[in-house]
C-alpha atoms as a PDB file:
ATOM      1  CA  MET A   1      -2.497  -2.778  18.733  1.00  0.00           C
ATOM      2  CA  ASN A   2       0.915  -4.346  19.250  1.00  0.00           C
ATOM      3  CA  ALA A   3       1.598  -7.546  17.355  1.00  0.00           C
ATOM      4  CA  ILE A   4       4.960  -9.261  16.955  1.00  0.00           C
ATOM      5  CA  ALA A   5       6.120 -11.667  14.241  1.00  0.00           C
ATOM      6  CA  THR A   6       9.432 -13.454  13.708  1.00  0.00           C
ATOM      7  CA  LEU A   7      11.347 -13.620  10.422  1.00  0.00           C
ATOM      8  CA  SER A   8      11.803 -17.289   9.450  1.00  0.00           C
ATOM      9  CA  SER A   9      14.971 -18.860   8.031  1.00  0.00           C
ATOM     10  CA  LYS A  10      13.273 -18.563   4.609  1.00  0.00           C
ATOM     11  CA  TYR A  11      12.800 -14.802   5.167  1.00  0.00           C
ATOM     12  CA  GLN A  12       9.040 -15.124   5.623  1.00  0.00           C
ATOM     13  CA  ILE A  13       6.836 -13.392   8.167  1.00  0.00           C
ATOM     14  CA  SER A  14       3.335 -14.472   9.164  1.00  0.00           C
ATOM     15  CA  ILE A  15       1.066 -11.488   9.688  1.00  0.00           C
ATOM     16  CA  PRO A  16      -0.636 -11.811  13.069  1.00  0.00           C
ATOM     17  CA  LYS A  17      -4.353 -12.597  12.900  1.00  0.00           C
ATOM     18  CA  SER A  18      -5.317  -9.445  14.818  1.00  0.00           C
ATOM     19  CA  VAL A  19      -3.609  -7.294  12.155  1.00  0.00           C
ATOM     20  CA  ARG A  20      -5.080  -9.256   9.209  1.00  0.00           C
ATOM     21  CA  GLU A  21      -8.575  -8.951  10.608  1.00  0.00           C
ATOM     22  CA  ALA A  22      -8.257  -5.265  11.533  1.00  0.00           C
ATOM     23  CA  GLN A  23      -6.982  -4.425   8.024  1.00  0.00           C
ATOM     24  CA  GLN A  24      -9.328  -6.895   6.277  1.00  0.00           C
ATOM     25  CA  TRP A  25      -6.398  -8.405   4.351  1.00  0.00           C
ATOM     26  CA  GLN A  26      -7.117 -11.549   2.324  1.00  0.00           C
ATOM     27  CA  PRO A  27      -4.978 -14.475   1.075  1.00  0.00           C
ATOM     28  CA  GLY A  28      -3.375 -13.737  -2.286  1.00  0.00           C
ATOM     29  CA  GLN A  29      -3.475  -9.974  -1.782  1.00  0.00           C
ATOM     30  CA  GLU A  30      -0.378  -8.134  -3.041  1.00  0.00           C
ATOM     31  CA  PHE A  31       1.666  -5.720  -0.918  1.00  0.00           C
ATOM     32  CA  VAL A  32       4.324  -3.118  -1.584  1.00  0.00           C
ATOM     33  CA  PHE A  33       7.264  -2.644   0.819  1.00  0.00           C
ATOM     34  CA  ILE A  34       8.443   0.965   1.170  1.00  0.00           C
ATOM     35  CA  PRO A  35      11.723   1.536   3.075  1.00  0.00           C
ATOM     36  CA  LYS A  36      11.369   4.271   5.718  1.00  0.00           C
ATOM     37  CA  GLY A  37      14.571   4.936   7.656  1.00  0.00           C
ATOM     38  CA  LYS A  38      15.293   1.795   9.673  1.00  0.00           C
ATOM     39  CA  GLY A  39      11.788   0.422   9.133  1.00  0.00           C
ATOM     40  CA  VAL A  40       9.493  -0.596   6.307  1.00  0.00           C
ATOM     41  CA  LEU A  41       5.986   0.562   5.465  1.00  0.00           C
ATOM     42  CA  VAL A  42       3.806  -2.302   4.202  1.00  0.00           C
ATOM     43  CA  MET A  43       0.860  -1.236   2.063  1.00  0.00           C
ATOM     44  CA  PRO A  44      -1.665  -3.309   0.109  1.00  0.00           C
ATOM     45  CA  VAL A  45      -1.551  -2.734  -3.648  1.00  0.00           C
ATOM     46  CA  PRO A  46      -5.002  -1.542  -4.739  1.00  0.00           C
ATOM     47  CA  LYS A  47      -6.782  -3.184  -7.635  1.00  0.00           C
ATOM     48  CA  LEU A  48      -7.633  -0.997 -10.622  1.00  0.00           C
ATOM     49  CA  ASP A  49     -11.366  -0.986  -9.857  1.00  0.00           C
ATOM     50  CA  GLN A  50     -10.639   0.329  -6.341  1.00  0.00           C
ATOM     51  CA  LEU A  51      -9.058   3.448  -7.868  1.00  0.00           C
ATOM     52  CA  ALA A  52     -12.144   4.481  -9.860  1.00  0.00           C
ATOM     53  CA  GLY A  53     -13.284   7.935  -8.785  1.00  0.00           C
ATOM     54  CA  LEU A  54     -10.218   8.539  -6.619  1.00  0.00           C
ATOM     55  CA  ALA A  55      -9.543  11.937  -8.194  1.00  0.00           C
ATOM     56  CA  ALA A  56     -13.175  12.978  -8.627  1.00  0.00           C
ATOM     57  CA  GLY A  57     -13.532  16.678  -7.922  1.00  0.00           C
ATOM     58  CA  ALA A  58      -9.778  17.357  -8.044  1.00  0.00           C
ATOM     59  CA  ASP A  59      -8.771  20.884  -9.072  1.00  0.00           C
ATOM     60  CA  THR A  60      -6.879  20.573 -12.356  1.00  0.00           C
ATOM     61  CA  GLU A  61      -6.065  24.281 -12.713  1.00  0.00           C
ATOM     62  CA  GLY A  62      -2.386  25.207 -12.683  1.00  0.00           C
ATOM     63  CA  TYR A  63      -1.084  21.823 -13.835  1.00  0.00           C
ATOM     64  CA  ARG A  64       1.250  21.621 -16.804  1.00  0.00           C
ATOM     65  CA  ASP A  65      -0.198  20.482 -20.062  1.00  0.00           C
ATOM     66  CA  ARG A  66       1.605  18.764 -22.925  1.00  0.00           C
ATOM     67  CA  GLN A  67       2.195  22.001 -24.835  1.00  0.00           C
ATOM     68  CA  ASP A  68       4.790  23.347 -22.372  1.00  0.00           C
ATOM     69  CA  ARG A  69       6.933  20.181 -22.248  1.00  0.00           C
ATOM     70  CA  PHE A  70      10.252  19.910 -24.015  1.00  0.00           C
END
């Protein structure tokens, strides 16, 4: 999907409808901008309830614990 937007004189960009719909982005949603070389990665900021269970089943062996910190 190729979609093009133009930066306005107020430094705003409208996200093309095809991208908004494909990503299911909603008005008021927050985004983080991550510089990558000469480009920028735009990612939605997840809400706290969307992170529940994210690490379920993760192997916690081999990680430092508080006792070995300075």
